[in-house]
Amino acid sequence: MDKVLAEYEIQLLLQLNKMDEAMSQINEALANDPNNTGLLLRSGYLKEQAGDLDGALVDYKKICGSRSEFLSRQLLYWCTFVGTSY
């Protein structure tokens, strides 16, 4: 599936509150693009909401370790808070 189309599908699933399906699509997309910060952020959020705080933290730390322009000032502050240097 096209990368852009997959991200739109994931966003639609999230808007429809189909979290299990969204997580399945996120995992599939991450298998093809493991450093995609947008996907990692969604994955971390869904894991956090499901109570998997350790799994969420792993995803969030991967984001903090990236050199992506996606990182906002607020997220950079959070990365410092969780002990990951940028």
PDB file of N, CA and C in Angstrom:
ATOM      1  N   MET A   1       0.844  -1.177   0.000  1.00  0.00           N
ATOM      2  CA  MET A   1       0.000   0.000   0.000  1.00  0.00           C
ATOM      3  C   MET A   1       0.893   1.244   0.000  1.00  0.00           C
ATOM      4  N   ASP A   2       0.452   2.252  -0.691  1.00  0.00           N
ATOM      5  CA  ASP A   2       1.151   3.523  -0.752  1.00  0.00           C
ATOM      6  C   ASP A   2       1.281   4.118   0.652  1.00  0.00           C
ATOM      7  N   LYS A   3       2.457   4.669   0.944  1.00  0.00           N
ATOM      8  CA  LYS A   3       2.739   5.217   2.283  1.00  0.00           C
ATOM      9  C   LYS A   3       1.743   6.308   2.685  1.00  0.00           C
ATOM     10  N   VAL A   4       1.463   7.222   1.788  1.00  0.00           N
ATOM     11  CA  VAL A   4       0.530   8.318   2.095  1.00  0.00           C
ATOM     12  C   VAL A   4      -0.875   7.783   2.304  1.00  0.00           C
ATOM     13  N   LEU A   5      -1.290   6.859   1.454  1.00  0.00           N
ATOM     14  CA  LEU A   5      -2.605   6.258   1.587  1.00  0.00           C
ATOM     15  C   LEU A   5      -2.738   5.517   2.915  1.00  0.00           C
ATOM     16  N   ALA A   6      -1.686   4.806   3.306  1.00  0.00           N
ATOM     17  CA  ALA A   6      -1.708   4.077   4.582  1.00  0.00           C
ATOM     18  C   ALA A   6      -1.877   5.045   5.753  1.00  0.00           C
ATOM     19  N   GLU A   7      -1.205   6.193   5.715  1.00  0.00           N
ATOM     20  CA  GLU A   7      -1.328   7.159   6.810  1.00  0.00           C
ATOM     21  C   GLU A   7      -2.731   7.762   6.858  1.00  0.00           C
ATOM     22  N   TYR A   8      -3.337   7.995   5.694  1.00  0.00           N
ATOM     23  CA  TYR A   8      -4.721   8.483   5.669  1.00  0.00           C
ATOM     24  C   TYR A   8      -5.675   7.442   6.242  1.00  0.00           C
ATOM     25  N   GLU A   9      -5.441   6.175   5.892  1.00  0.00           N
ATOM     26  CA  GLU A   9      -6.285   5.105   6.407  1.00  0.00           C
ATOM     27  C   GLU A   9      -6.173   5.012   7.929  1.00  0.00           C
ATOM     28  N   ILE A  10      -4.963   5.118   8.442  1.00  0.00           N
ATOM     29  CA  ILE A  10      -4.755   5.081   9.890  1.00  0.00           C
ATOM     30  C   ILE A  10      -5.485   6.245  10.554  1.00  0.00           C
ATOM     31  N   GLN A  11      -5.361   7.432   9.996  1.00  0.00           N
ATOM     32  CA  GLN A  11      -6.029   8.598  10.566  1.00  0.00           C
ATOM     33  C   GLN A  11      -7.537   8.410  10.567  1.00  0.00           C
ATOM     34  N   LEU A  12      -8.086   7.859   9.490  1.00  0.00           N
ATOM     35  CA  LEU A  12      -9.524   7.610   9.408  1.00  0.00           C
ATOM     36  C   LEU A  12      -9.960   6.603  10.471  1.00  0.00           C
ATOM     37  N   LEU A  13      -9.200   5.532  10.637  1.00  0.00           N
ATOM     38  CA  LEU A  13      -9.520   4.535  11.662  1.00  0.00           C
ATOM     39  C   LEU A  13      -9.507   5.158  13.054  1.00  0.00           C
ATOM     40  N   LEU A  14      -8.543   6.031  13.309  1.00  0.00           N
ATOM     41  CA  LEU A  14      -8.488   6.703  14.610  1.00  0.00           C
ATOM     42  C   LEU A  14      -9.708   7.600  14.806  1.00  0.00           C
ATOM     43  N   GLN A  15     -10.109   8.320  13.761  1.00  0.00           N
ATOM     44  CA  GLN A  15     -11.276   9.195  13.864  1.00  0.00           C
ATOM     45  C   GLN A  15     -12.556   8.405  14.078  1.00  0.00           C
ATOM     46  N   LEU A  16     -12.606   7.191  13.539  1.00  0.00           N
ATOM     47  CA  LEU A  16     -13.773   6.330  13.712  1.00  0.00           C
ATOM     48  C   LEU A  16     -13.719   5.532  15.016  1.00  0.00           C
ATOM     49  N   ASN A  17     -12.678   5.793  15.822  1.00  0.00           N
ATOM     50  CA  ASN A  17     -12.482   5.126  17.108  1.00  0.00           C
ATOM     51  C   ASN A  17     -12.288   3.614  16.951  1.00  0.00           C
ATOM     52  N   LYS A  18     -11.674   3.210  15.856  1.00  0.00           N
ATOM     53  CA  LYS A  18     -11.359   1.801  15.613  1.00  0.00           C
ATOM     54  C   LYS A  18      -9.892   1.591  15.966  1.00  0.00           C
ATOM     55  N   MET A  19      -9.631   1.621  17.253  1.00  0.00           N
ATOM     56  CA  MET A  19      -8.258   1.646  17.739  1.00  0.00           C
ATOM     57  C   MET A  19      -7.483   0.364  17.453  1.00  0.00           C
ATOM     58  N   ASP A  20      -8.134  -0.789  17.581  1.00  0.00           N
ATOM     59  CA  ASP A  20      -7.428  -2.049  17.310  1.00  0.00           C
ATOM     60  C   ASP A  20      -7.022  -2.139  15.846  1.00  0.00           C
ATOM     61  N   GLU A  21      -7.925  -1.739  14.954  1.00  0.00           N
ATOM     62  CA  GLU A  21      -7.602  -1.755  13.530  1.00  0.00           C
ATOM     63  C   GLU A  21      -6.510  -0.734  13.204  1.00  0.00           C
ATOM     64  N   ALA A  22      -6.592   0.430  13.847  1.00  0.00           N
ATOM     65  CA  ALA A  22      -5.578   1.461  13.636  1.00  0.00           C
ATOM     66  C   ALA A  22      -4.213   0.955  14.086  1.00  0.00           C
ATOM     67  N   MET A  23      -4.166   0.303  15.249  1.00  0.00           N
ATOM     68  CA  MET A  23      -2.887  -0.199  15.762  1.00  0.00           C
ATOM     69  C   MET A  23      -2.319  -1.260  14.832  1.00  0.00           C
ATOM     70  N   SER A  24      -3.176  -2.098  14.282  1.00  0.00           N
ATOM     71  CA  SER A  24      -2.727  -3.118  13.340  1.00  0.00           C
ATOM     72  C   SER A  24      -2.114  -2.471  12.096  1.00  0.00           C
ATOM     73  N   GLN A  25      -2.750  -1.437  11.576  1.00  0.00           N
ATOM     74  CA  GLN A  25      -2.237  -0.725  10.412  1.00  0.00           C
ATOM     75  C   GLN A  25      -0.939   0.017  10.739  1.00  0.00           C
ATOM     76  N   ILE A  26      -0.874   0.586  11.939  1.00  0.00           N
ATOM     77  CA  ILE A  26       0.346   1.278  12.372  1.00  0.00           C
ATOM     78  C   ILE A  26       1.508   0.299  12.434  1.00  0.00           C
ATOM     79  N   ASN A  27       1.273  -0.870  13.020  1.00  0.00           N
ATOM     80  CA  ASN A  27       2.334  -1.877  13.114  1.00  0.00           C
ATOM     81  C   ASN A  27       2.808  -2.315  11.735  1.00  0.00           C
ATOM     82  N   GLU A  28       1.867  -2.482  10.814  1.00  0.00           N
ATOM     83  CA  GLU A  28       2.223  -2.871   9.446  1.00  0.00           C
ATOM     84  C   GLU A  28       3.046  -1.766   8.775  1.00  0.00           C
ATOM     85  N   ALA A  29       2.617  -0.527   8.958  1.00  0.00           N
ATOM     86  CA  ALA A  29       3.338   0.601   8.355  1.00  0.00           C
ATOM     87  C   ALA A  29       4.721   0.767   8.980  1.00  0.00           C
ATOM     88  N   LEU A  30       4.825   0.569  10.304  1.00  0.00           N
ATOM     89  CA  LEU A  30       6.120   0.680  10.975  1.00  0.00           C
ATOM     90  C   LEU A  30       7.086  -0.415  10.535  1.00  0.00           C
ATOM     91  N   ALA A  31       6.554  -1.569  10.128  1.00  0.00           N
ATOM     92  CA  ALA A  31       7.418  -2.641   9.624  1.00  0.00           C
ATOM     93  C   ALA A  31       8.144  -2.181   8.356  1.00  0.00           C
ATOM     94  N   ASN A  32       7.487  -1.321   7.587  1.00  0.00           N
ATOM     95  CA  ASN A  32       8.078  -0.805   6.350  1.00  0.00           C
ATOM     96  C   ASN A  32       8.847   0.497   6.556  1.00  0.00           C
ATOM     97  N   ASP A  33       8.531   1.213   7.628  1.00  0.00           N
ATOM     98  CA  ASP A  33       9.145   2.528   7.872  1.00  0.00           C
ATOM     99  C   ASP A  33       9.315   2.704   9.391  1.00  0.00           C
ATOM    100  N   PRO A  34      10.270   1.979   9.995  1.00  0.00           N
ATOM    101  CA  PRO A  34      10.379   1.920  11.456  1.00  0.00           C
ATOM    102  C   PRO A  34      10.763   3.228  12.144  1.00  0.00           C
ATOM    103  N   ASN A  35      11.226   4.216  11.401  1.00  0.00           N
ATOM    104  CA  ASN A  35      11.620   5.487  12.017  1.00  0.00           C
ATOM    105  C   ASN A  35      10.653   6.621  11.708  1.00  0.00           C
ATOM    106  N   ASN A  36       9.452   6.277  11.244  1.00  0.00           N
ATOM    107  CA  ASN A  36       8.457   7.288  10.917  1.00  0.00           C
ATOM    108  C   ASN A  36       7.924   7.888  12.219  1.00  0.00           C
ATOM    109  N   THR A  37       8.295   9.132  12.491  1.00  0.00           N
ATOM    110  CA  THR A  37       7.960   9.742  13.776  1.00  0.00           C
ATOM    111  C   THR A  37       6.456   9.902  13.983  1.00  0.00           C
ATOM    112  N   GLY A  38       5.726  10.188  12.925  1.00  0.00           N
ATOM    113  CA  GLY A  38       4.269  10.312  13.048  1.00  0.00           C
ATOM    114  C   GLY A  38       3.630   8.995  13.450  1.00  0.00           C
ATOM    115  N   LEU A  39       4.084   7.909  12.834  1.00  0.00           N
ATOM    116  CA  LEU A  39       3.565   6.586  13.185  1.00  0.00           C
ATOM    117  C   LEU A  39       3.968   6.190  14.593  1.00  0.00           C
ATOM    118  N   LEU A  40       5.207   6.487  14.960  1.00  0.00           N
ATOM    119  CA  LEU A  40       5.667   6.156  16.311  1.00  0.00           C
ATOM    120  C   LEU A  40       4.872   6.929  17.366  1.00  0.00           C
ATOM    121  N   LEU A  41       4.558   8.177  17.070  1.00  0.00           N
ATOM    122  CA  LEU A  41       3.778   8.981  18.005  1.00  0.00           C
ATOM    123  C   LEU A  41       2.378   8.395  18.179  1.00  0.00           C
ATOM    124  N   ARG A  42       1.757   8.007  17.068  1.00  0.00           N
ATOM    125  CA  ARG A  42       0.424   7.386  17.147  1.00  0.00           C
ATOM    126  C   ARG A  42       0.490   6.059  17.886  1.00  0.00           C
ATOM    127  N   SER A  43       1.512   5.275  17.594  1.00  0.00           N
ATOM    128  CA  SER A  43       1.682   3.987  18.257  1.00  0.00           C
ATOM    129  C   SER A  43       1.863   4.171  19.763  1.00  0.00           C
ATOM    130  N   GLY A  44       2.733   5.096  20.133  1.00  0.00           N
ATOM    131  CA  GLY A  44       2.949   5.365  21.554  1.00  0.00           C
ATOM    132  C   GLY A  44       1.684   5.818  22.253  1.00  0.00           C
ATOM    133  N   TYR A  45       0.940   6.685  21.595  1.00  0.00           N
ATOM    134  CA  TYR A  45      -0.307   7.185  22.176  1.00  0.00           C
ATOM    135  C   TYR A  45      -1.312   6.046  22.392  1.00  0.00           C
ATOM    136  N   LEU A  46      -1.477   5.193  21.369  1.00  0.00           N
ATOM    137  CA  LEU A  46      -2.432   4.093  21.513  1.00  0.00           C
ATOM    138  C   LEU A  46      -1.992   3.109  22.589  1.00  0.00           C
ATOM    139  N   LYS A  47      -0.696   2.836  22.663  1.00  0.00           N
ATOM    140  CA  LYS A  47      -0.198   1.952  23.719  1.00  0.00           C
ATOM    141  C   LYS A  47      -0.426   2.573  25.091  1.00  0.00           C
ATOM    142  N   GLU A  48      -0.191   3.867  25.197  1.00  0.00           N
ATOM    143  CA  GLU A  48      -0.405   4.566  26.464  1.00  0.00           C
ATOM    144  C   GLU A  48      -1.878   4.476  26.874  1.00  0.00           C
ATOM    145  N   GLN A  49      -2.779   4.700  25.922  1.00  0.00           N
ATOM    146  CA  GLN A  49      -4.211   4.644  26.208  1.00  0.00           C
ATOM    147  C   GLN A  49      -4.665   3.242  26.610  1.00  0.00           C
ATOM    148  N   ALA A  50      -3.974   2.220  26.075  1.00  0.00           N
ATOM    149  CA  ALA A  50      -4.306   0.833  26.393  1.00  0.00           C
ATOM    150  C   ALA A  50      -3.657   0.368  27.693  1.00  0.00           C
ATOM    151  N   GLY A  51      -2.856   1.227  28.326  1.00  0.00           N
ATOM    152  CA  GLY A  51      -2.214   0.879  29.586  1.00  0.00           C
ATOM    153  C   GLY A  51      -0.830   0.280  29.436  1.00  0.00           C
ATOM    154  N   ASP A  52      -0.316   0.194  28.211  1.00  0.00           N
ATOM    155  CA  ASP A  52       1.023  -0.337  27.973  1.00  0.00           C
ATOM    156  C   ASP A  52       2.020   0.820  28.037  1.00  0.00           C
ATOM    157  N   LEU A  53       2.294   1.280  29.241  1.00  0.00           N
ATOM    158  CA  LEU A  53       3.162   2.436  29.406  1.00  0.00           C
ATOM    159  C   LEU A  53       4.601   2.152  28.999  1.00  0.00           C
ATOM    160  N   ASP A  54       5.071   0.946  29.258  1.00  0.00           N
ATOM    161  CA  ASP A  54       6.437   0.592  28.852  1.00  0.00           C
ATOM    162  C   ASP A  54       6.571   0.612  27.334  1.00  0.00           C
ATOM    163  N   GLY A  55       5.590   0.038  26.640  1.00  0.00           N
ATOM    164  CA  GLY A  55       5.609   0.037  25.180  1.00  0.00           C
ATOM    165  C   GLY A  55       5.524   1.443  24.615  1.00  0.00           C
ATOM    166  N   ALA A  56       4.687   2.277  25.232  1.00  0.00           N
ATOM    167  CA  ALA A  56       4.560   3.668  24.794  1.00  0.00           C
ATOM    168  C   ALA A  56       5.881   4.397  24.968  1.00  0.00           C
ATOM    169  N   LEU A  57       6.530   4.187  26.084  1.00  0.00           N
ATOM    170  CA  LEU A  57       7.799   4.860  26.351  1.00  0.00           C
ATOM    171  C   LEU A  57       8.863   4.457  25.328  1.00  0.00           C
ATOM    172  N   VAL A  58       8.870   3.189  24.932  1.00  0.00           N
ATOM    173  CA  VAL A  58       9.814   2.732  23.908  1.00  0.00           C
ATOM    174  C   VAL A  58       9.589   3.510  22.612  1.00  0.00           C
ATOM    175  N   ASP A  59       8.319   3.643  22.205  1.00  0.00           N
ATOM    176  CA  ASP A  59       8.009   4.385  20.976  1.00  0.00           C
ATOM    177  C   ASP A  59       8.394   5.849  21.111  1.00  0.00           C
ATOM    178  N   TYR A  60       8.067   6.458  22.234  1.00  0.00           N
ATOM    179  CA  TYR A  60       8.382   7.871  22.442  1.00  0.00           C
ATOM    180  C   TYR A  60       9.898   8.111  22.440  1.00  0.00           C
ATOM    181  N   LYS A  61      10.650   7.180  23.025  1.00  0.00           N
ATOM    182  CA  LYS A  61      12.106   7.339  23.035  1.00  0.00           C
ATOM    183  C   LYS A  61      12.695   7.199  21.640  1.00  0.00           C
ATOM    184  N   LYS A  62      12.068   6.366  20.799  1.00  0.00           N
ATOM    185  CA  LYS A  62      12.528   6.266  19.411  1.00  0.00           C
ATOM    186  C   LYS A  62      12.344   7.604  18.710  1.00  0.00           C
ATOM    187  N   ILE A  63      11.237   8.282  19.002  1.00  0.00           N
ATOM    188  CA  ILE A  63      10.992   9.592  18.409  1.00  0.00           C
ATOM    189  C   ILE A  63      12.066  10.566  18.870  1.00  0.00           C
ATOM    190  N   CYS A  64      12.355  10.540  20.145  1.00  0.00           N
ATOM    191  CA  CYS A  64      13.342  11.468  20.707  1.00  0.00           C
ATOM    192  C   CYS A  64      14.726  11.225  20.130  1.00  0.00           C
ATOM    193  N   GLY A  65      15.002  10.000  19.752  1.00  0.00           N
ATOM    194  CA  GLY A  65      16.306   9.677  19.195  1.00  0.00           C
ATOM    195  C   GLY A  65      16.442  10.030  17.724  1.00  0.00           C
ATOM    196  N   SER A  66      15.329  10.396  17.104  1.00  0.00           N
ATOM    197  CA  SER A  66      15.396  10.720  15.675  1.00  0.00           C
ATOM    198  C   SER A  66      15.883  12.146  15.472  1.00  0.00           C
ATOM    199  N   ARG A  67      16.271  12.444  14.282  1.00  0.00           N
ATOM    200  CA  ARG A  67      16.717  13.794  13.917  1.00  0.00           C
ATOM    201  C   ARG A  67      15.674  14.463  13.024  1.00  0.00           C
ATOM    202  N   SER A  68      14.432  14.079  13.220  1.00  0.00           N
ATOM    203  CA  SER A  68      13.359  14.557  12.357  1.00  0.00           C
ATOM    204  C   SER A  68      12.978  16.004  12.630  1.00  0.00           C
ATOM    205  N   GLU A  69      12.576  16.691  11.594  1.00  0.00           N
ATOM    206  CA  GLU A  69      12.057  18.045  11.752  1.00  0.00           C
ATOM    207  C   GLU A  69      10.673  18.022  12.400  1.00  0.00           C
ATOM    208  N   PHE A  70      10.108  16.813  12.545  1.00  0.00           N
ATOM    209  CA  PHE A  70       8.809  16.640  13.172  1.00  0.00           C
ATOM    210  C   PHE A  70       8.838  17.083  14.634  1.00  0.00           C
ATOM    211  N   LEU A  71      10.002  16.994  15.251  1.00  0.00           N
ATOM    212  CA  LEU A  71      10.103  17.293  16.669  1.00  0.00           C
ATOM    213  C   LEU A  71       9.860  18.773  16.944  1.00  0.00           C
ATOM    214  N   SER A  72       8.851  19.030  17.711  1.00  0.00           N
ATOM    215  CA  SER A  72       8.537  20.405  18.093  1.00  0.00           C
ATOM    216  C   SER A  72       9.322  20.767  19.350  1.00  0.00           C
ATOM    217  N   ARG A  73       9.304  22.030  19.684  1.00  0.00           N
ATOM    218  CA  ARG A  73       9.986  22.471  20.897  1.00  0.00           C
ATOM    219  C   ARG A  73       9.410  21.766  22.125  1.00  0.00           C
ATOM    220  N   GLN A  74       8.075  21.611  22.161  1.00  0.00           N
ATOM    221  CA  GLN A  74       7.433  20.946  23.292  1.00  0.00           C
ATOM    222  C   GLN A  74       7.869  19.483  23.373  1.00  0.00           C
ATOM    223  N   LEU A  75       7.938  18.812  22.229  1.00  0.00           N
ATOM    224  CA  LEU A  75       8.359  17.413  22.227  1.00  0.00           C
ATOM    225  C   LEU A  75       9.828  17.288  22.614  1.00  0.00           C
ATOM    226  N   LEU A  76      10.653  18.227  22.192  1.00  0.00           N
ATOM    227  CA  LEU A  76      12.061  18.211  22.594  1.00  0.00           C
ATOM    228  C   LEU A  76      12.185  18.341  24.109  1.00  0.00           C
ATOM    229  N   TYR A  77      11.359  19.195  24.708  1.00  0.00           N
ATOM    230  CA  TYR A  77      11.353  19.334  26.159  1.00  0.00           C
ATOM    231  C   TYR A  77      10.957  18.008  26.800  1.00  0.00           C
ATOM    232  N   TRP A  78       9.946  17.371  26.254  1.00  0.00           N
ATOM    233  CA  TRP A  78       9.484  16.091  26.794  1.00  0.00           C
ATOM    234  C   TRP A  78      10.586  15.050  26.678  1.00  0.00           C
ATOM    235  N   CYS A  79      11.305  15.041  25.551  1.00  0.00           N
ATOM    236  CA  CYS A  79      12.403  14.097  25.371  1.00  0.00           C
ATOM    237  C   CYS A  79      13.454  14.275  26.448  1.00  0.00           C
ATOM    238  N   THR A  80      13.739  15.513  26.797  1.00  0.00           N
ATOM    239  CA  THR A  80      14.681  15.798  27.877  1.00  0.00           C
ATOM    240  C   THR A  80      14.130  15.270  29.197  1.00  0.00           C
ATOM    241  N   PHE A  81      12.843  15.429  29.394  1.00  0.00           N
ATOM    242  CA  PHE A  81      12.184  14.975  30.625  1.00  0.00           C
ATOM    243  C   PHE A  81      12.299  13.472  30.809  1.00  0.00           C
ATOM    244  N   VAL A  82      12.158  12.689  29.701  1.00  0.00           N
ATOM    245  CA  VAL A  82      12.235  11.234  29.825  1.00  0.00           C
ATOM    246  C   VAL A  82      13.669  10.733  29.779  1.00  0.00           C
ATOM    247  N   GLY A  83      14.612  11.657  29.678  1.00  0.00           N
ATOM    248  CA  GLY A  83      16.014  11.266  29.779  1.00  0.00           C
ATOM    249  C   GLY A  83      16.655  10.837  28.484  1.00  0.00           C
ATOM    250  N   THR A  84      16.112  11.300  27.362  1.00  0.00           N
ATOM    251  CA  THR A  84      16.708  10.980  26.070  1.00  0.00           C
ATOM    252  C   THR A  84      17.238  12.262  25.471  1.00  0.00           C
ATOM    253  N   SER A  85      18.504  12.259  25.158  1.00  0.00           N
ATOM    254  CA  SER A  85      19.080  13.480  24.592  1.00  0.00           C
ATOM    255  C   SER A  85      18.785  13.553  23.114  1.00  0.00           C
ATOM    256  N   TYR A  86      18.642  14.748  22.617  1.00  0.00           N
ATOM    257  CA  TYR A  86      18.394  14.975  21.189  1.00  0.00           C
ATOM    258  C   TYR A  86      19.650  15.485  20.566  1.00  0.00           C
TER     259      TYR A  86
END
